[in-house]
């Protein structure tokens, strides 16, 4: 298991992550990329704790996602199954489990202050924290996509499910975009990755 983990997470996090997995009897499955989620936790009918994580994530995002999912398991076991999935109990648990990993042997120097800030009040997904998400994306494999904040207003773009939009304007923190086929307005986080189409 340690050798497998080494392919997916930073070297100095392997031992403590392995301990977390063992201590909580986690059955970890590394899966092909899913567009809608980075990871998932469920208690199987046999009572096994099953966690899946996308194998395509960079090692820092993989580590955060894995600890995020283990935090669901630990929070449910400690506080009961009636808690909100991303409520106060989960936030407290995620902070407690993640803080030992926020150190320079594990994360690059430029990520440490962003992680420290994020984990003061962690959100359901690190993707909603635009600054942290953008910083983490620098460690992804290169692709031909653009971030929505980089493209000019009026640009036409496609998202991963094939839907096509026109970018309008910034509304507070998110960008207002019109879906071409329906004319409906949607809001996008600035760090959403899109494929720009010729106008």
C-alpha atoms as a PDB file:
ATOM      1  CA  UNK A   1       0.000   0.000   0.000  1.00  0.00           C
ATOM      2  CA  UNK A   2       2.832   2.429   0.871  1.00  0.00           C
ATOM      3  CA  UNK A   3       4.420   1.928  -2.557  1.00  0.00           C
ATOM      4  CA  UNK A   4       1.070   2.589  -4.254  1.00  0.00           C
ATOM      5  CA  UNK A   5       0.506   5.731  -2.187  1.00  0.00           C
ATOM      6  CA  UNK A   6       3.963   7.023  -3.134  1.00  0.00           C
ATOM      7  CA  UNK A   7       2.797   7.275  -6.774  1.00  0.00           C
ATOM      8  CA  UNK A   8      -0.080   9.574  -5.787  1.00  0.00           C
ATOM      9  CA  UNK A   9       0.910  11.710  -2.788  1.00  0.00           C
ATOM     10  CA  UNK A  10       4.045  13.568  -1.572  1.00  0.00           C
ATOM     11  CA  UNK A  11       6.722  11.252  -0.157  1.00  0.00           C
ATOM     12  CA  UNK A  12       6.691  12.682   3.396  1.00  0.00           C
ATOM     13  CA  UNK A  13       2.920  12.226   3.665  1.00  0.00           C
ATOM     14  CA  UNK A  14       2.931   8.481   2.829  1.00  0.00           C
ATOM     15  CA  UNK A  15       3.538   7.123   6.338  1.00  0.00           C
ATOM     16  CA  UNK A  16       0.983   9.315   8.199  1.00  0.00           C
ATOM     17  CA  UNK A  17      -1.619   8.717   5.449  1.00  0.00           C
ATOM     18  CA  UNK A  18      -0.990   4.964   5.611  1.00  0.00           C
ATOM     19  CA  UNK A  19      -1.546   5.144   9.398  1.00  0.00           C
ATOM     20  CA  UNK A  20      -4.845   7.022   8.870  1.00  0.00           C
ATOM     21  CA  UNK A  21      -5.996   4.394   6.362  1.00  0.00           C
ATOM     22  CA  UNK A  22      -5.047   1.508   8.688  1.00  0.00           C
ATOM     23  CA  UNK A  23      -6.461   3.118  11.846  1.00  0.00           C
ATOM     24  CA  UNK A  24      -9.835   3.759  10.179  1.00  0.00           C
ATOM     25  CA  UNK A  25     -10.016   0.456   8.230  1.00  0.00           C
ATOM     26  CA  UNK A  26     -10.341   2.260   4.902  1.00  0.00           C
ATOM     27  CA  UNK A  27     -10.676   0.336   1.669  1.00  0.00           C
ATOM     28  CA  UNK A  28      -9.089   2.805  -0.791  1.00  0.00           C
ATOM     29  CA  UNK A  29      -9.823   2.590  -4.515  1.00  0.00           C
ATOM     30  CA  UNK A  30      -8.043   4.808  -7.024  1.00  0.00           C
ATOM     31  CA  UNK A  31     -10.365   5.358  -9.990  1.00  0.00           C
ATOM     32  CA  UNK A  32     -10.427   6.952 -13.428  1.00  0.00           C
ATOM     33  CA  UNK A  33     -11.278  10.652 -13.542  1.00  0.00           C
ATOM     34  CA  UNK A  34     -14.859  11.687 -12.766  1.00  0.00           C
ATOM     35  CA  UNK A  35     -15.864  15.186 -13.839  1.00  0.00           C
ATOM     36  CA  UNK A  36     -18.274  15.790 -10.966  1.00  0.00           C
ATOM     37  CA  UNK A  37     -16.116  14.871  -7.977  1.00  0.00           C
ATOM     38  CA  UNK A  38     -12.516  14.308  -6.896  1.00  0.00           C
ATOM     39  CA  UNK A  39     -13.329  11.669  -4.276  1.00  0.00           C
ATOM     40  CA  UNK A  40     -16.101   9.838  -2.486  1.00  0.00           C
ATOM     41  CA  UNK A  41     -16.716   8.092   0.855  1.00  0.00           C
ATOM     42  CA  UNK A  42     -19.373   5.512   1.580  1.00  0.00           C
ATOM     43  CA  UNK A  43     -19.962   2.830   4.158  1.00  0.00           C
ATOM     44  CA  UNK A  44     -20.654  -0.350   2.198  1.00  0.00           C
ATOM     45  CA  UNK A  45     -23.432  -2.793   3.071  1.00  0.00           C
ATOM     46  CA  UNK A  46     -20.771  -5.094   4.520  1.00  0.00           C
ATOM     47  CA  UNK A  47     -19.805  -2.271   6.931  1.00  0.00           C
ATOM     48  CA  UNK A  48     -16.532  -1.557   5.085  1.00  0.00           C
ATOM     49  CA  UNK A  49     -15.411   2.055   4.767  1.00  0.00           C
ATOM     50  CA  UNK A  50     -14.894   2.606   1.037  1.00  0.00           C
ATOM     51  CA  UNK A  51     -13.087   5.677  -0.287  1.00  0.00           C
ATOM     52  CA  UNK A  52     -12.485   6.380  -3.966  1.00  0.00           C
ATOM     53  CA  UNK A  53     -10.143   9.100  -5.256  1.00  0.00           C
ATOM     54  CA  UNK A  54      -9.501  10.158  -8.861  1.00  0.00           C
ATOM     55  CA  UNK A  55      -6.098   8.865  -9.941  1.00  0.00           C
ATOM     56  CA  UNK A  56      -5.681  11.822 -12.328  1.00  0.00           C
ATOM     57  CA  UNK A  57      -5.311  14.392  -9.510  1.00  0.00           C
ATOM     58  CA  UNK A  58      -1.908  15.953  -8.881  1.00  0.00           C
ATOM     59  CA  UNK A  59      -0.228  14.703  -5.681  1.00  0.00           C
ATOM     60  CA  UNK A  60      -1.207  17.724  -3.554  1.00  0.00           C
ATOM     61  CA  UNK A  61      -4.849  17.667  -4.638  1.00  0.00           C
ATOM     62  CA  UNK A  62      -4.918  13.878  -4.180  1.00  0.00           C
ATOM     63  CA  UNK A  63      -3.653  14.221  -0.593  1.00  0.00           C
ATOM     64  CA  UNK A  64      -6.213  16.937   0.273  1.00  0.00           C
ATOM     65  CA  UNK A  65      -9.020  14.889  -1.321  1.00  0.00           C
ATOM     66  CA  UNK A  66      -8.066  11.691   0.490  1.00  0.00           C
ATOM     67  CA  UNK A  67      -7.911  13.441   3.882  1.00  0.00           C
ATOM     68  CA  UNK A  68     -11.239  15.192   3.028  1.00  0.00           C
ATOM     69  CA  UNK A  69     -12.897  11.785   2.507  1.00  0.00           C
ATOM     70  CA  UNK A  70     -11.298  10.183   5.589  1.00  0.00           C
ATOM     71  CA  UNK A  71     -12.667  13.194   7.536  1.00  0.00           C
ATOM     72  CA  UNK A  72     -16.209  12.216   6.493  1.00  0.00           C
ATOM     73  CA  UNK A  73     -15.666   8.730   7.885  1.00  0.00           C
ATOM     74  CA  UNK A  74     -14.114   9.977  11.164  1.00  0.00           C
ATOM     75  CA  UNK A  75     -16.794  12.685  11.659  1.00  0.00           C
ATOM     76  CA  UNK A  76     -19.654  10.208  11.062  1.00  0.00           C
ATOM     77  CA  UNK A  77     -18.097   7.678  13.453  1.00  0.00           C
ATOM     78  CA  UNK A  78     -17.497  10.289  16.163  1.00  0.00           C
ATOM     79  CA  UNK A  79     -20.612  12.489  15.883  1.00  0.00           C
ATOM     80  CA  UNK A  80     -23.172  10.108  14.361  1.00  0.00           C
ATOM     81  CA  UNK A  81     -24.698   9.681  10.922  1.00  0.00           C
ATOM     82  CA  UNK A  82     -27.193  12.553  11.281  1.00  0.00           C
ATOM     83  CA  UNK A  83     -24.614  15.336  10.918  1.00  0.00           C
ATOM     84  CA  UNK A  84     -24.490  17.451   7.750  1.00  0.00           C
ATOM     85  CA  UNK A  85     -21.890  16.064   5.305  1.00  0.00           C
ATOM     86  CA  UNK A  86     -19.941  19.359   5.264  1.00  0.00           C
ATOM     87  CA  UNK A  87     -21.185  20.824   8.539  1.00  0.00           C
ATOM     88  CA  UNK A  88     -19.267  22.015  11.608  1.00  0.00           C
ATOM     89  CA  UNK A  89     -18.347  18.518  12.801  1.00  0.00           C
ATOM     90  CA  UNK A  90     -16.807  17.625   9.435  1.00  0.00           C
ATOM     91  CA  UNK A  91     -14.967  20.995   9.247  1.00  0.00           C
ATOM     92  CA  UNK A  92     -13.512  20.463  12.706  1.00  0.00           C
ATOM     93  CA  UNK A  93     -12.439  16.905  11.802  1.00  0.00           C
ATOM     94  CA  UNK A  94     -10.940  17.947   8.446  1.00  0.00           C
ATOM     95  CA  UNK A  95      -8.947  20.737  10.126  1.00  0.00           C
ATOM     96  CA  UNK A  96      -7.663  18.375  12.813  1.00  0.00           C
ATOM     97  CA  UNK A  97      -6.617  15.685  10.323  1.00  0.00           C
ATOM     98  CA  UNK A  98      -5.154  18.071   7.735  1.00  0.00           C
ATOM     99  CA  UNK A  99      -3.095  20.447   9.913  1.00  0.00           C
ATOM    100  CA  UNK A 100      -0.226  17.924  10.504  1.00  0.00           C
ATOM    101  CA  UNK A 101       0.269  17.787   6.705  1.00  0.00           C
ATOM    102  CA  UNK A 102       0.546  21.562   6.176  1.00  0.00           C
ATOM    103  CA  UNK A 103       4.329  21.765   6.373  1.00  0.00           C
ATOM    104  CA  UNK A 104       7.176  22.472   3.942  1.00  0.00           C
ATOM    105  CA  UNK A 105       8.347  18.846   3.652  1.00  0.00           C
ATOM    106  CA  UNK A 106       4.948  17.996   2.125  1.00  0.00           C
ATOM    107  CA  UNK A 107       3.618  21.090   0.323  1.00  0.00           C
ATOM    108  CA  UNK A 108       5.550  23.670  -1.739  1.00  0.00           C
ATOM    109  CA  UNK A 109       6.250  26.966   0.043  1.00  0.00           C
ATOM    110  CA  UNK A 110       3.794  28.970  -2.114  1.00  0.00           C
ATOM    111  CA  UNK A 111       0.865  26.672  -1.152  1.00  0.00           C
ATOM    112  CA  UNK A 112       1.424  26.799   2.631  1.00  0.00           C
ATOM    113  CA  UNK A 113      -0.148  30.239   3.355  1.00  0.00           C
ATOM    114  CA  UNK A 114      -3.102  29.457   1.041  1.00  0.00           C
ATOM    115  CA  UNK A 115      -3.681  26.120   2.786  1.00  0.00           C
ATOM    116  CA  UNK A 116      -3.390  27.723   6.245  1.00  0.00           C
ATOM    117  CA  UNK A 117      -6.025  30.283   5.260  1.00  0.00           C
ATOM    118  CA  UNK A 118      -8.319  27.679   3.644  1.00  0.00           C
ATOM    119  CA  UNK A 119      -8.222  25.394   6.679  1.00  0.00           C
ATOM    120  CA  UNK A 120      -9.374  28.137   9.060  1.00  0.00           C
ATOM    121  CA  UNK A 121     -12.815  27.365   7.614  1.00  0.00           C
ATOM    122  CA  UNK A 122     -12.584  24.545   5.031  1.00  0.00           C
ATOM    123  CA  UNK A 123     -15.232  24.368   2.308  1.00  0.00           C
ATOM    124  CA  UNK A 124     -16.905  21.326   0.749  1.00  0.00           C
ATOM    125  CA  UNK A 125     -14.433  21.536  -2.142  1.00  0.00           C
ATOM    126  CA  UNK A 126     -11.045  23.219  -2.461  1.00  0.00           C
ATOM    127  CA  UNK A 127     -12.239  24.156  -5.980  1.00  0.00           C
ATOM    128  CA  UNK A 128     -14.526  26.824  -4.483  1.00  0.00           C
ATOM    129  CA  UNK A 129     -11.485  28.545  -2.955  1.00  0.00           C
ATOM    130  CA  UNK A 130     -10.355  30.240  -6.189  1.00  0.00           C
ATOM    131  CA  UNK A 131      -6.855  31.251  -5.007  1.00  0.00           C
ATOM    132  CA  UNK A 132      -6.021  27.813  -3.606  1.00  0.00           C
ATOM    133  CA  UNK A 133      -7.566  26.059  -6.597  1.00  0.00           C
ATOM    134  CA  UNK A 134      -5.534  28.116  -9.076  1.00  0.00           C
ATOM    135  CA  UNK A 135      -2.340  27.517  -7.107  1.00  0.00           C
ATOM    136  CA  UNK A 136      -3.019  23.752  -7.002  1.00  0.00           C
ATOM    137  CA  UNK A 137      -3.750  23.661 -10.748  1.00  0.00           C
ATOM    138  CA  UNK A 138      -0.156  24.741 -11.471  1.00  0.00           C
ATOM    139  CA  UNK A 139       0.817  21.174 -10.545  1.00  0.00           C
ATOM    140  CA  UNK A 140      -1.662  19.552 -12.970  1.00  0.00           C
ATOM    141  CA  UNK A 141      -0.573  18.116 -16.293  1.00  0.00           C
ATOM    142  CA  UNK A 142      -0.742  20.749 -19.037  1.00  0.00           C
ATOM    143  CA  UNK A 143      -3.893  20.885 -21.154  1.00  0.00           C
ATOM    144  CA  UNK A 144      -5.332  23.183 -23.816  1.00  0.00           C
ATOM    145  CA  UNK A 145      -8.004  24.667 -21.555  1.00  0.00           C
ATOM    146  CA  UNK A 146      -8.268  28.253 -20.296  1.00  0.00           C
ATOM    147  CA  UNK A 147      -9.500  29.582 -16.984  1.00  0.00           C
ATOM    148  CA  UNK A 148     -12.676  31.584 -17.379  1.00  0.00           C
ATOM    149  CA  UNK A 149     -11.124  34.680 -15.782  1.00  0.00           C
ATOM    150  CA  UNK A 150      -8.446  34.728 -18.535  1.00  0.00           C
ATOM    151  CA  UNK A 151     -10.800  34.915 -21.507  1.00  0.00           C
ATOM    152  CA  UNK A 152     -12.326  38.199 -22.723  1.00  0.00           C
ATOM    153  CA  UNK A 153     -15.992  39.069 -22.176  1.00  0.00           C
ATOM    154  CA  UNK A 154     -18.033  37.948 -25.179  1.00  0.00           C
ATOM    155  CA  UNK A 155     -15.944  34.775 -25.667  1.00  0.00           C
ATOM    156  CA  UNK A 156     -17.762  31.579 -26.599  1.00  0.00           C
ATOM    157  CA  UNK A 157     -16.632  28.489 -24.693  1.00  0.00           C
ATOM    158  CA  UNK A 158     -17.478  24.859 -24.081  1.00  0.00           C
ATOM    159  CA  UNK A 159     -17.445  23.042 -20.721  1.00  0.00           C
ATOM    160  CA  UNK A 160     -16.662  19.355 -20.084  1.00  0.00           C
ATOM    161  CA  UNK A 161     -20.274  18.187 -20.558  1.00  0.00           C
ATOM    162  CA  UNK A 162     -20.377  19.739 -24.065  1.00  0.00           C
ATOM    163  CA  UNK A 163     -22.607  22.720 -23.228  1.00  0.00           C
ATOM    164  CA  UNK A 164     -21.674  26.000 -24.899  1.00  0.00           C
ATOM    165  CA  UNK A 165     -21.762  29.430 -23.225  1.00  0.00           C
ATOM    166  CA  UNK A 166     -20.986  33.071 -23.863  1.00  0.00           C
ATOM    167  CA  UNK A 167     -19.060  34.920 -21.151  1.00  0.00           C
ATOM    168  CA  UNK A 168     -20.705  38.151 -20.005  1.00  0.00           C
ATOM    169  CA  UNK A 169     -19.413  40.027 -16.971  1.00  0.00           C
ATOM    170  CA  UNK A 170     -18.048  39.570 -13.468  1.00  0.00           C
ATOM    171  CA  UNK A 171     -20.774  39.598 -10.846  1.00  0.00           C
ATOM    172  CA  UNK A 172     -19.125  40.024  -7.412  1.00  0.00           C
ATOM    173  CA  UNK A 173     -16.813  36.953  -7.402  1.00  0.00           C
ATOM    174  CA  UNK A 174     -18.231  34.820 -10.226  1.00  0.00           C
ATOM    175  CA  UNK A 175     -18.728  35.276 -13.955  1.00  0.00           C
ATOM    176  CA  UNK A 176     -22.176  35.505 -15.482  1.00  0.00           C
ATOM    177  CA  UNK A 177     -22.426  33.420 -18.655  1.00  0.00           C
ATOM    178  CA  UNK A 178     -25.311  32.683 -21.011  1.00  0.00           C
ATOM    179  CA  UNK A 179     -25.944  29.135 -22.203  1.00  0.00           C
ATOM    180  CA  UNK A 180     -26.255  29.444 -25.994  1.00  0.00           C
ATOM    181  CA  UNK A 181     -28.926  26.751 -26.509  1.00  0.00           C
ATOM    182  CA  UNK A 182     -31.326  27.846 -23.730  1.00  0.00           C
ATOM    183  CA  UNK A 183     -30.476  31.519 -23.131  1.00  0.00           C
ATOM    184  CA  UNK A 184     -30.308  30.773 -19.397  1.00  0.00           C
ATOM    185  CA  UNK A 185     -27.786  32.555 -17.172  1.00  0.00           C
ATOM    186  CA  UNK A 186     -25.241  30.594 -15.143  1.00  0.00           C
ATOM    187  CA  UNK A 187     -22.504  31.710 -12.732  1.00  0.00           C
ATOM    188  CA  UNK A 188     -18.981  30.281 -13.031  1.00  0.00           C
ATOM    189  CA  UNK A 189     -16.097  30.389 -10.577  1.00  0.00           C
ATOM    190  CA  UNK A 190     -13.132  32.308 -12.036  1.00  0.00           C
ATOM    191  CA  UNK A 191     -10.993  29.149 -11.940  1.00  0.00           C
ATOM    192  CA  UNK A 192     -13.398  27.038 -14.043  1.00  0.00           C
ATOM    193  CA  UNK A 193     -11.486  25.432 -16.911  1.00  0.00           C
ATOM    194  CA  UNK A 194     -13.140  25.882 -20.318  1.00  0.00           C
ATOM    195  CA  UNK A 195     -12.400  25.294 -23.987  1.00  0.00           C
ATOM    196  CA  UNK A 196     -12.552  28.539 -25.974  1.00  0.00           C
ATOM    197  CA  UNK A 197     -14.348  28.267 -29.323  1.00  0.00           C
ATOM    198  CA  UNK A 198     -13.923  30.554 -32.358  1.00  0.00           C
ATOM    199  CA  UNK A 199     -16.535  33.366 -32.344  1.00  0.00           C
END
